[in-house]
Each structure stands twice: as structure tokens, then as C-alpha cells.
PDB file of N, CA and C in Angstrom:
ATOM      1  N   MET A   1     105.131 168.074  52.610  1.00  0.00           N
ATOM      2  CA  MET A   1     105.235 167.233  53.776  1.00  0.00           C
ATOM      3  C   MET A   1     106.314 166.166  53.588  1.00  0.00           C
ATOM      4  N   LEU A   2     106.371 165.580  52.395  1.00  0.00           N
ATOM      5  CA  LEU A   2     107.403 164.577  52.139  1.00  0.00           C
ATOM      6  C   LEU A   2     108.796 165.184  52.233  1.00  0.00           C
ATOM      7  N   LEU A   3     108.943 166.392  51.715  1.00  0.00           N
ATOM      8  CA  LEU A   3     110.242 167.056  51.753  1.00  0.00           C
ATOM      9  C   LEU A   3     110.670 167.326  53.192  1.00  0.00           C
ATOM     10  N   PHE A   4     109.731 167.735  54.033  1.00  0.00           N
ATOM     11  CA  PHE A   4     110.045 167.975  55.443  1.00  0.00           C
ATOM     12  C   PHE A   4     110.496 166.680  56.115  1.00  0.00           C
ATOM     13  N   ASN A   5     109.774 165.580  55.870  1.00  0.00           N
ATOM     14  CA  ASN A   5     110.152 164.298  56.469  1.00  0.00           C
ATOM     15  C   ASN A   5     111.528 163.855  55.991  1.00  0.00           C
ATOM     16  N   TRP A   6     111.798 164.038  54.705  1.00  0.00           N
ATOM     17  CA  TRP A   6     113.106 163.671  54.172  1.00  0.00           C
ATOM     18  C   TRP A   6     114.204 164.509  54.825  1.00  0.00           C
ATOM     19  N   ALA A   7     113.996 165.827  54.906  1.00  0.00           N
ATOM     20  CA  ALA A   7     115.017 166.712  55.477  1.00  0.00           C
ATOM     21  C   ALA A   7     115.242 166.409  56.955  1.00  0.00           C
ATOM     22  N   PHE A   8     114.172 166.185  57.703  1.00  0.00           N
ATOM     23  CA  PHE A   8     114.311 165.875  59.121  1.00  0.00           C
ATOM     24  C   PHE A   8     115.089 164.579  59.311  1.00  0.00           C
ATOM     25  N   GLY A   9     114.737 163.555  58.539  1.00  0.00           N
ATOM     26  CA  GLY A   9     115.453 162.285  58.627  1.00  0.00           C
ATOM     27  C   GLY A   9     116.920 162.432  58.276  1.00  0.00           C
ATOM     28  N   ALA A  10     117.206 163.209  57.233  1.00  0.00           N
ATOM     29  CA  ALA A  10     118.597 163.415  56.819  1.00  0.00           C
ATOM     30  C   ALA A  10     119.386 164.131  57.909  1.00  0.00           C
ATOM     31  N   ILE A  11     118.790 165.127  58.545  1.00  0.00           N
ATOM     32  CA  ILE A  11     119.489 165.875  59.594  1.00  0.00           C
ATOM     33  C   ILE A  11     119.771 164.978  60.796  1.00  0.00           C
ATOM     34  N   VAL A  12     118.790 164.184  61.198  1.00  0.00           N
ATOM     35  CA  VAL A  12     118.990 163.290  62.347  1.00  0.00           C
ATOM     36  C   VAL A  12     120.060 162.250  62.031  1.00  0.00           C
ATOM     37  N   LEU A  13     119.974 161.632  60.855  1.00  0.00           N
ATOM     38  CA  LEU A  13     120.979 160.639  60.477  1.00  0.00           C
ATOM     39  C   LEU A  13     122.369 161.261  60.377  1.00  0.00           C
ATOM     40  N   LEU A  14     122.454 162.447  59.811  1.00  0.00           N
ATOM     41  CA  LEU A  14     123.746 163.113  59.693  1.00  0.00           C
ATOM     42  C   LEU A  14     124.316 163.441  61.066  1.00  0.00           C
ATOM     43  N   ALA A  15     123.472 163.870  61.997  1.00  0.00           N
ATOM     44  CA  ALA A  15     123.945 164.173  63.349  1.00  0.00           C
ATOM     45  C   ALA A  15     124.525 162.924  64.010  1.00  0.00           C
ATOM     46  N   VAL A  16     123.847 161.798  63.864  1.00  0.00           N
ATOM     47  CA  VAL A  16     124.346 160.546  64.442  1.00  0.00           C
ATOM     48  C   VAL A  16     125.660 160.134  63.779  1.00  0.00           C
ATOM     49  N   MET A  17     125.727 160.263  62.459  1.00  0.00           N
ATOM     50  CA  MET A  17     126.962 159.912  61.752  1.00  0.00           C
ATOM     51  C   MET A  17     128.114 160.824  62.163  1.00  0.00           C
ATOM     52  N   GLN A  18     127.841 162.107  62.315  1.00  0.00           N
ATOM     53  CA  GLN A  18     128.891 163.044  62.724  1.00  0.00           C
ATOM     54  C   GLN A  18     129.383 162.728  64.135  1.00  0.00           C
ATOM     55  N   LEU A  19     128.457 162.368  65.033  1.00  0.00           N
ATOM     56  CA  LEU A  19     128.870 161.971  66.383  1.00  0.00           C
ATOM     57  C   LEU A  19     129.759 160.732  66.337  1.00  0.00           C
ATOM     58  N   ALA A  20     129.409 159.775  65.485  1.00  0.00           N
ATOM     59  CA  ALA A  20     130.233 158.574  65.346  1.00  0.00           C
ATOM     60  C   ALA A  20     131.607 158.924  64.781  1.00  0.00           C
ATOM     61  N   LEU A  21     131.645 159.789  63.782  1.00  0.00           N
ATOM     62  CA  LEU A  21     132.932 160.205  63.214  1.00  0.00           C
ATOM     63  C   LEU A  21     133.774 160.954  64.241  1.00  0.00           C
ATOM     64  N   ASP A  22     133.147 161.844  65.006  1.00  0.00           N
ATOM     65  CA  ASP A  22     133.884 162.602  66.014  1.00  0.00           C
ATOM     66  C   ASP A  22     134.373 161.697  67.142  1.00  0.00           C
ATOM     67  N   GLY A  23     133.562 160.705  67.515  1.00  0.00           N
ATOM     68  CA  GLY A  23     134.004 159.744  68.530  1.00  0.00           C
ATOM     69  C   GLY A  23     135.192 158.937  68.049  1.00  0.00           C
ATOM     70  N   THR A  24     135.156 158.528  66.789  1.00  0.00           N
ATOM     71  CA  THR A  24     136.284 157.804  66.201  1.00  0.00           C
ATOM     72  C   THR A  24     137.523 158.689  66.150  1.00  0.00           C
ATOM     73  N   ALA A  25     137.338 159.940  65.782  1.00  0.00           N
ATOM     74  CA  ALA A  25     138.472 160.874  65.728  1.00  0.00           C
ATOM     75  C   ALA A  25     139.052 161.103  67.118  1.00  0.00           C
ATOM     76  N   LEU A  26     138.200 161.170  68.131  1.00  0.00           N
ATOM     77  CA  LEU A  26     138.678 161.362  69.501  1.00  0.00           C
ATOM     78  C   LEU A  26     139.501 160.170  69.964  1.00  0.00           C
ATOM     79  N   VAL A  27     139.026 158.970  69.695  1.00  0.00           N
ATOM     80  CA  VAL A  27     139.782 157.771  70.067  1.00  0.00           C
ATOM     81  C   VAL A  27     141.103 157.729  69.307  1.00  0.00           C
ATOM     82  N   ALA A  28     141.080 158.051  68.025  1.00  0.00           N
ATOM     83  CA  ALA A  28     142.315 158.064  67.231  1.00  0.00           C
ATOM     84  C   ALA A  28     143.288 159.102  67.764  1.00  0.00           C
ATOM     85  N   ARG A  29     142.777 160.225  68.215  1.00  0.00           N
ATOM     86  CA  ARG A  29     143.629 161.286  68.760  1.00  0.00           C
ATOM     87  C   ARG A  29     144.266 160.840  70.077  1.00  0.00           C
ATOM     88  N   LEU A  30     143.532 160.057  70.878  1.00  0.00           N
ATOM     89  CA  LEU A  30     144.086 159.548  72.134  1.00  0.00           C
ATOM     90  C   LEU A  30     145.172 158.510  71.881  1.00  0.00           C
ATOM     91  N   VAL A  31     144.979 157.690  70.857  1.00  0.00           N
ATOM     92  CA  VAL A  31     145.965 156.660  70.531  1.00  0.00           C
ATOM     93  C   VAL A  31     147.199 157.278  69.891  1.00  0.00           C
ATOM     94  N   ARG A  32     146.975 158.199  68.979  1.00  0.00           N
ATOM     95  CA  ARG A  32     148.084 158.852  68.269  1.00  0.00           C
ATOM     96  C   ARG A  32     147.821 160.353  68.288  1.00  0.00           C
ATOM     97  N   PRO A  33     148.425 161.070  69.245  1.00  0.00           N
ATOM     98  CA  PRO A  33     148.067 162.468  69.493  1.00  0.00           C
ATOM     99  C   PRO A  33     148.284 163.444  68.338  1.00  0.00           C
ATOM    100  N   VAL A  34     149.151 163.141  67.402  1.00  0.00           N
ATOM    101  CA  VAL A  34     149.479 164.136  66.381  1.00  0.00           C
ATOM    102  C   VAL A  34     149.154 163.603  64.987  1.00  0.00           C
ATOM    103  N   GLY A  35     148.615 164.485  64.153  1.00  0.00           N
ATOM    104  CA  GLY A  35     148.541 164.199  62.730  1.00  0.00           C
ATOM    105  C   GLY A  35     147.341 163.426  62.233  1.00  0.00           C
ATOM    106  N   TRP A  36     146.266 163.318  63.008  1.00  0.00           N
ATOM    107  CA  TRP A  36     145.103 162.601  62.492  1.00  0.00           C
ATOM    108  C   TRP A  36     143.875 163.482  62.564  1.00  0.00           C
ATOM    109  N   ALA A  37     143.163 163.547  61.469  1.00  0.00           N
ATOM    110  CA  ALA A  37     141.897 164.282  61.414  1.00  0.00           C
ATOM    111  C   ALA A  37     140.980 163.558  60.432  1.00  0.00           C
ATOM    112  N   THR A  38     139.693 163.714  60.616  1.00  0.00           N
ATOM    113  CA  THR A  38     138.739 163.097  59.697  1.00  0.00           C
ATOM    114  C   THR A  38     138.777 163.858  58.378  1.00  0.00           C
ATOM    115  N   PRO A  39     139.072 163.176  57.278  1.00  0.00           N
ATOM    116  CA  PRO A  39     139.121 163.860  55.981  1.00  0.00           C
ATOM    117  C   PRO A  39     137.757 164.449  55.604  1.00  0.00           C
ATOM    118  N   ASP A  40     137.796 165.550  54.876  1.00  0.00           N
ATOM    119  CA  ASP A  40     136.554 166.198  54.447  1.00  0.00           C
ATOM    120  C   ASP A  40     135.704 165.270  53.586  1.00  0.00           C
ATOM    121  N   GLY A  41     136.365 164.471  52.760  1.00  0.00           N
ATOM    122  CA  GLY A  41     135.633 163.550  51.888  1.00  0.00           C
ATOM    123  C   GLY A  41     134.777 162.564  52.669  1.00  0.00           C
ATOM    124  N   VAL A  42     135.263 162.144  53.832  1.00  0.00           N
ATOM    125  CA  VAL A  42     134.497 161.215  54.666  1.00  0.00           C
ATOM    126  C   VAL A  42     133.249 161.908  55.198  1.00  0.00           C
ATOM    127  N   ARG A  43     133.383 163.163  55.597  1.00  0.00           N
ATOM    128  CA  ARG A  43     132.225 163.907  56.106  1.00  0.00           C
ATOM    129  C   ARG A  43     131.212 164.183  54.980  1.00  0.00           C
ATOM    130  N   TYR A  44     131.699 164.486  53.786  1.00  0.00           N
ATOM    131  CA  TYR A  44     130.789 164.681  52.653  1.00  0.00           C
ATOM    132  C   TYR A  44     130.071 163.375  52.302  1.00  0.00           C
ATOM    133  N   ALA A  45     130.808 162.266  52.359  1.00  0.00           N
ATOM    134  CA  ALA A  45     130.198 160.958  52.086  1.00  0.00           C
ATOM    135  C   ALA A  45     129.130 160.638  53.130  1.00  0.00           C
ATOM    136  N   ALA A  46     129.376 161.007  54.385  1.00  0.00           N
ATOM    137  CA  ALA A  46     128.377 160.790  55.439  1.00  0.00           C
ATOM    138  C   ALA A  46     127.120 161.609  55.156  1.00  0.00           C
ATOM    139  N   ALA A  47     127.291 162.834  54.680  1.00  0.00           N
ATOM    140  CA  ALA A  47     126.133 163.682  54.361  1.00  0.00           C
ATOM    141  C   ALA A  47     125.325 163.083  53.210  1.00  0.00           C
ATOM    142  N   ILE A  48     126.006 162.605  52.186  1.00  0.00           N
ATOM    143  CA  ILE A  48     125.312 161.992  51.046  1.00  0.00           C
ATOM    144  C   ILE A  48     124.609 160.710  51.481  1.00  0.00           C
ATOM    145  N   ALA A  49     125.289 159.902  52.304  1.00  0.00           N
ATOM    146  CA  ALA A  49     124.674 158.667  52.801  1.00  0.00           C
ATOM    147  C   ALA A  49     123.435 158.980  53.638  1.00  0.00           C
ATOM    148  N   ALA A  50     123.496 160.020  54.466  1.00  0.00           N
ATOM    149  CA  ALA A  50     122.339 160.400  55.285  1.00  0.00           C
ATOM    150  C   ALA A  50     121.168 160.817  54.405  1.00  0.00           C
ATOM    151  N   MET A  51     121.432 161.570  53.347  1.00  0.00           N
ATOM    152  CA  MET A  51     120.358 161.998  52.448  1.00  0.00           C
ATOM    153  C   MET A  51     119.739 160.811  51.712  1.00  0.00           C
ATOM    154  N   LEU A  52     120.585 159.890  51.247  1.00  0.00           N
ATOM    155  CA  LEU A  52     120.067 158.723  50.532  1.00  0.00           C
ATOM    156  C   LEU A  52     119.278 157.800  51.457  1.00  0.00           C
ATOM    157  N   LEU A  53     119.784 157.574  52.669  1.00  0.00           N
ATOM    158  CA  LEU A  53     119.064 156.732  53.623  1.00  0.00           C
ATOM    159  C   LEU A  53     117.736 157.356  54.032  1.00  0.00           C
ATOM    160  N   SER A  54     117.726 158.670  54.165  1.00  0.00           N
ATOM    161  CA  SER A  54     116.482 159.358  54.501  1.00  0.00           C
ATOM    162  C   SER A  54     115.470 159.231  53.366  1.00  0.00           C
ATOM    163  N   ALA A  55     115.926 159.369  52.136  1.00  0.00           N
ATOM    164  CA  ALA A  55     115.026 159.208  50.982  1.00  0.00           C
ATOM    165  C   ALA A  55     114.465 157.788  50.941  1.00  0.00           C
ATOM    166  N   LEU A  56     115.303 156.799  51.206  1.00  0.00           N
ATOM    167  CA  LEU A  56     114.839 155.414  51.242  1.00  0.00           C
ATOM    168  C   LEU A  56     113.814 155.222  52.361  1.00  0.00           C
ATOM    169  N   GLY A  57     114.068 155.813  53.511  1.00  0.00           N
ATOM    170  CA  GLY A  57     113.131 155.707  54.628  1.00  0.00           C
ATOM    171  C   GLY A  57     111.777 156.318  54.318  1.00  0.00           C
ATOM    172  N   VAL A  58     111.768 157.480  53.680  1.00  0.00           N
ATOM    173  CA  VAL A  58     110.497 158.120  53.314  1.00  0.00           C
ATOM    174  C   VAL A  58     109.763 157.273  52.277  1.00  0.00           C
ATOM    175  N   TYR A  59     110.491 156.730  51.321  1.00  0.00           N
ATOM    176  CA  TYR A  59     109.871 155.873  50.305  1.00  0.00           C
ATOM    177  C   TYR A  59     109.226 154.645  50.951  1.00  0.00           C
ATOM    178  N   LEU A  60     109.960 153.974  51.826  1.00  0.00           N
ATOM    179  CA  LEU A  60     109.427 152.773  52.465  1.00  0.00           C
ATOM    180  C   LEU A  60     108.260 153.091  53.400  1.00  0.00           C
ATOM    181  N   ALA A  61     108.286 154.265  54.017  1.00  0.00           N
ATOM    182  CA  ALA A  61     107.211 154.647  54.940  1.00  0.00           C
ATOM    183  C   ALA A  61     105.916 154.981  54.210  1.00  0.00           C
ATOM    184  N   THR A  62     106.003 155.398  52.963  1.00  0.00           N
ATOM    185  CA  THR A  62     104.798 155.803  52.231  1.00  0.00           C
ATOM    186  C   THR A  62     104.261 154.715  51.304  1.00  0.00           C
ATOM    187  N   ARG A  63     104.885 153.558  51.302  1.00  0.00           N
ATOM    188  CA  ARG A  63     104.367 152.452  50.490  1.00  0.00           C
ATOM    189  C   ARG A  63     103.060 151.938  51.074  1.00  0.00           C
ATOM    190  N   VAL A  64     102.195 151.473  50.227  1.00  0.00           N
ATOM    191  CA  VAL A  64     100.957 150.843  50.676  1.00  0.00           C
ATOM    192  C   VAL A  64     101.291 149.392  51.019  1.00  0.00           C
ATOM    193  N   PRO A  65     100.959 148.961  52.233  1.00  0.00           N
ATOM    194  CA  PRO A  65     101.319 147.591  52.618  1.00  0.00           C
ATOM    195  C   PRO A  65     100.525 146.563  51.820  1.00  0.00           C
ATOM    196  N   PRO A  66     101.109 145.400  51.590  1.00  0.00           N
ATOM    197  CA  PRO A  66     100.400 144.367  50.827  1.00  0.00           C
ATOM    198  C   PRO A  66      99.279 143.740  51.665  1.00  0.00           C
ATOM    199  N   LEU A  67      98.228 143.327  50.987  1.00  0.00           N
ATOM    200  CA  LEU A  67      97.142 142.613  51.649  1.00  0.00           C
ATOM    201  C   LEU A  67      97.453 141.129  51.629  1.00  0.00           C
ATOM    202  N   LYS A  68      97.042 140.455  52.684  1.00  0.00           N
ATOM    203  CA  LYS A  68      97.337 139.034  52.789  1.00  0.00           C
ATOM    204  C   LYS A  68      96.057 138.295  53.163  1.00  0.00           C
ATOM    205  N   ASP A  69      95.653 137.344  52.325  1.00  0.00           N
ATOM    206  CA  ASP A  69      94.488 136.505  52.609  1.00  0.00           C
ATOM    207  C   ASP A  69      94.971 135.194  53.205  1.00  0.00           C
ATOM    208  N   VAL A  70      94.382 134.823  54.339  1.00  0.00           N
ATOM    209  CA  VAL A  70      94.738 133.572  55.000  1.00  0.00           C
ATOM    210  C   VAL A  70      93.449 132.816  55.293  1.00  0.00           C
ATOM    211  N   GLU A  71      93.374 131.570  54.826  1.00  0.00           N
ATOM    212  CA  GLU A  71      92.218 130.726  55.140  1.00  0.00           C
ATOM    213  C   GLU A  71      92.586 129.822  56.297  1.00  0.00           C
ATOM    214  N   ILE A  72      91.692 129.791  57.291  1.00  0.00           N
ATOM    215  CA  ILE A  72      91.935 128.985  58.480  1.00  0.00           C
ATOM    216  C   ILE A  72      90.780 128.005  58.634  1.00  0.00           C
ATOM    217  N   ALA A  73      91.101 126.746  58.788  1.00  0.00           N
ATOM    218  CA  ALA A  73      90.088 125.721  59.039  1.00  0.00           C
ATOM    219  C   ALA A  73      89.973 125.537  60.549  1.00  0.00           C
ATOM    220  N   ILE A  74      88.760 125.699  61.069  1.00  0.00           N
ATOM    221  CA  ILE A  74      88.533 125.550  62.506  1.00  0.00           C
ATOM    222  C   ILE A  74      87.658 124.313  62.712  1.00  0.00           C
ATOM    223  N   PRO A  75      88.240 123.274  63.291  1.00  0.00           N
ATOM    224  CA  PRO A  75      87.442 122.063  63.523  1.00  0.00           C
ATOM    225  C   PRO A  75      86.307 122.346  64.513  1.00  0.00           C
ATOM    226  N   GLY A  76      85.138 121.810  64.230  1.00  0.00           N
ATOM    227  CA  GLY A  76      83.997 121.970  65.125  1.00  0.00           C
ATOM    228  C   GLY A  76      83.265 123.289  64.985  1.00  0.00           C
ATOM    229  N   LEU A  77      83.613 124.084  63.994  1.00  0.00           N
ATOM    230  CA  LEU A  77      82.932 125.364  63.787  1.00  0.00           C
ATOM    231  C   LEU A  77      81.524 125.101  63.261  1.00  0.00           C
ATOM    232  N   PRO A  78      80.503 125.694  63.872  1.00  0.00           N
ATOM    233  CA  PRO A  78      79.134 125.482  63.378  1.00  0.00           C
ATOM    234  C   PRO A  78      78.997 125.915  61.913  1.00  0.00           C
ATOM    235  N   HIS A  79      78.131 125.223  61.200  1.00  0.00           N
ATOM    236  CA  HIS A  79      77.946 125.453  59.764  1.00  0.00           C
ATOM    237  C   HIS A  79      77.488 126.886  59.463  1.00  0.00           C
ATOM    238  N   GLN A  80      76.778 127.522  60.390  1.00  0.00           N
ATOM    239  CA  GLN A  80      76.288 128.887  60.171  1.00  0.00           C
ATOM    240  C   GLN A  80      77.439 129.877  59.961  1.00  0.00           C
ATOM    241  N   PHE A  81      78.593 129.567  60.523  1.00  0.00           N
ATOM    242  CA  PHE A  81      79.727 130.492  60.427  1.00  0.00           C
ATOM    243  C   PHE A  81      80.630 130.206  59.226  1.00  0.00           C
ATOM    244  N   ASP A  82      80.294 129.206  58.438  1.00  0.00           N
ATOM    245  CA  ASP A  82      81.106 128.883  57.266  1.00  0.00           C
ATOM    246  C   ASP A  82      81.058 130.048  56.279  1.00  0.00           C
ATOM    247  N   GLY A  83      82.201 130.501  55.829  1.00  0.00           N
ATOM    248  CA  GLY A  83      82.279 131.600  54.870  1.00  0.00           C
ATOM    249  C   GLY A  83      82.423 132.971  55.502  1.00  0.00           C
ATOM    250  N   TYR A  84      82.383 133.055  56.827  1.00  0.00           N
ATOM    251  CA  TYR A  84      82.573 134.353  57.484  1.00  0.00           C
ATOM    252  C   TYR A  84      83.974 134.876  57.204  1.00  0.00           C
ATOM    253  N   ARG A  85      84.085 136.163  57.168  1.00  0.00           N
ATOM    254  CA  ARG A  85      85.389 136.794  56.946  1.00  0.00           C
ATOM    255  C   ARG A  85      85.720 137.677  58.133  1.00  0.00           C
ATOM    256  N   LEU A  86      86.977 137.680  58.500  1.00  0.00           N
ATOM    257  CA  LEU A  86      87.483 138.544  59.560  1.00  0.00           C
ATOM    258  C   LEU A  86      88.510 139.485  58.963  1.00  0.00           C
ATOM    259  N   LEU A  87      88.561 140.655  59.511  1.00  0.00           N
ATOM    260  CA  LEU A  87      89.541 141.643  59.068  1.00  0.00           C
ATOM    261  C   LEU A  87      90.392 142.030  60.263  1.00  0.00           C
ATOM    262  N   GLN A  88      91.691 141.981  60.078  1.00  0.00           N
ATOM    263  CA  GLN A  88      92.600 142.390  61.142  1.00  0.00           C
ATOM    264  C   GLN A  88      93.444 143.549  60.630  1.00  0.00           C
ATOM    265  N   LEU A  89      93.334 144.678  61.284  1.00  0.00           N
ATOM    266  CA  LEU A  89      94.164 145.839  60.971  1.00  0.00           C
ATOM    267  C   LEU A  89      95.171 145.979  62.100  1.00  0.00           C
ATOM    268  N   THR A  90      96.428 145.899  61.762  1.00  0.00           N
ATOM    269  CA  THR A  90      97.459 145.894  62.786  1.00  0.00           C
ATOM    270  C   THR A  90      98.521 146.932  62.482  1.00  0.00           C
ATOM    271  N   ASP A  91      98.923 147.649  63.505  1.00  0.00           N
ATOM    272  CA  ASP A  91     100.078 148.542  63.437  1.00  0.00           C
ATOM    273  C   ASP A  91      99.964 149.548  62.291  1.00  0.00           C
ATOM    274  N   LEU A  92      98.846 150.256  62.241  1.00  0.00           N
ATOM    275  CA  LEU A  92      98.647 151.257  61.194  1.00  0.00           C
ATOM    276  C   LEU A  92      99.321 152.562  61.595  1.00  0.00           C
ATOM    277  N   HIS A  93     100.098 153.095  60.726  1.00  0.00           N
ATOM    278  CA  HIS A  93     100.749 154.387  60.948  1.00  0.00           C
ATOM    279  C   HIS A  93     100.181 155.368  59.923  1.00  0.00           C
ATOM    280  N   ILE A  94      98.909 155.616  60.012  1.00  0.00           N
ATOM    281  CA  ILE A  94      98.246 156.505  59.067  1.00  0.00           C
ATOM    282  C   ILE A  94      98.576 157.945  59.436  1.00  0.00           C
ATOM    283  N   SER A  95      98.947 158.716  58.452  1.00  0.00           N
ATOM    284  CA  SER A  95      99.263 160.128  58.680  1.00  0.00           C
ATOM    285  C   SER A  95      98.724 160.938  57.508  1.00  0.00           C
ATOM    286  N   ARG A  96      99.046 162.197  57.500  1.00  0.00           N
ATOM    287  CA  ARG A  96      98.601 163.065  56.404  1.00  0.00           C
ATOM    288  C   ARG A  96      99.310 162.743  55.096  1.00  0.00           C
ATOM    289  N   LEU A  97     100.305 161.874  55.139  1.00  0.00           N
ATOM    290  CA  LEU A  97     101.000 161.492  53.912  1.00  0.00           C
ATOM    291  C   LEU A  97     100.124 160.626  53.013  1.00  0.00           C
ATOM    292  N   PHE A  98      99.123 159.958  53.598  1.00  0.00           N
ATOM    293  CA  PHE A  98      98.266 159.069  52.832  1.00  0.00           C
ATOM    294  C   PHE A  98      96.975 159.789  52.459  1.00  0.00           C
ATOM    295  N   SER A  99      96.482 159.508  51.260  1.00  0.00           N
ATOM    296  CA  SER A  99      95.216 160.118  50.836  1.00  0.00           C
ATOM    297  C   SER A  99      94.056 159.434  51.556  1.00  0.00           C
ATOM    298  N   LYS A 100      92.872 160.023  51.473  1.00  0.00           N
ATOM    299  CA  LYS A 100      91.702 159.484  52.168  1.00  0.00           C
ATOM    300  C   LYS A 100      91.095 158.289  51.448  1.00  0.00           C
ATOM    301  N   GLU A 101      91.584 157.954  50.295  1.00  0.00           N
ATOM    302  CA  GLU A 101      91.009 156.860  49.500  1.00  0.00           C
ATOM    303  C   GLU A 101      91.475 155.522  49.973  1.00  0.00           C
TER     304      GLU A 101
END
């Protein structure tokens, strides 16, 4: 599953990078009609950058988020509620990538 997510991310990023490179090449061709093409090395570098960015994205997506304890003093709170704890779960992106534990 991780490999699929990495490959999908790399393909999408590479497609966007290639569109940007082709758009730049088109503008350069309009400005100077002869003798300009995107070097192969630039396209290979874009492919490597897409793979590395995708790997970073998968790594960051599968990290366990840090827990944060916050104590709040509420003036006028009845004594019976002293010591109560609240739990807030926000923006969970749980998927099959995470174990059930």
C-alpha cells in the first residue's frame, strides 16, 4: 500500500512538473523560435525530484501525530467538575496505512 501511494504521488507530481516544463518551453519557443529545447537532464531531475517529494509526502502522512496536553482554568467552574478531562480528536485521516493499535 505504501508503494502504491508513493508511485501515485510521484506520477502526479511528475505530470505537474512536466506540464510546467512544457509551458516554459512553449513560452521560450514563442520568444525565440529557433534553437531552444528542454534539456534531458532537466527532465530527469524533475523525475528524481518528484520521486523524492512523493517519498517525503508518504513519510509525513504516515507519522503518528504528537499528543498535546493543555490545562485550562475556567473561572466559576463548580468544584464537582475539577479534574475532568476532555478529549478532542480533530482532522483524523485514518486509513489502512495505520495499524489497529
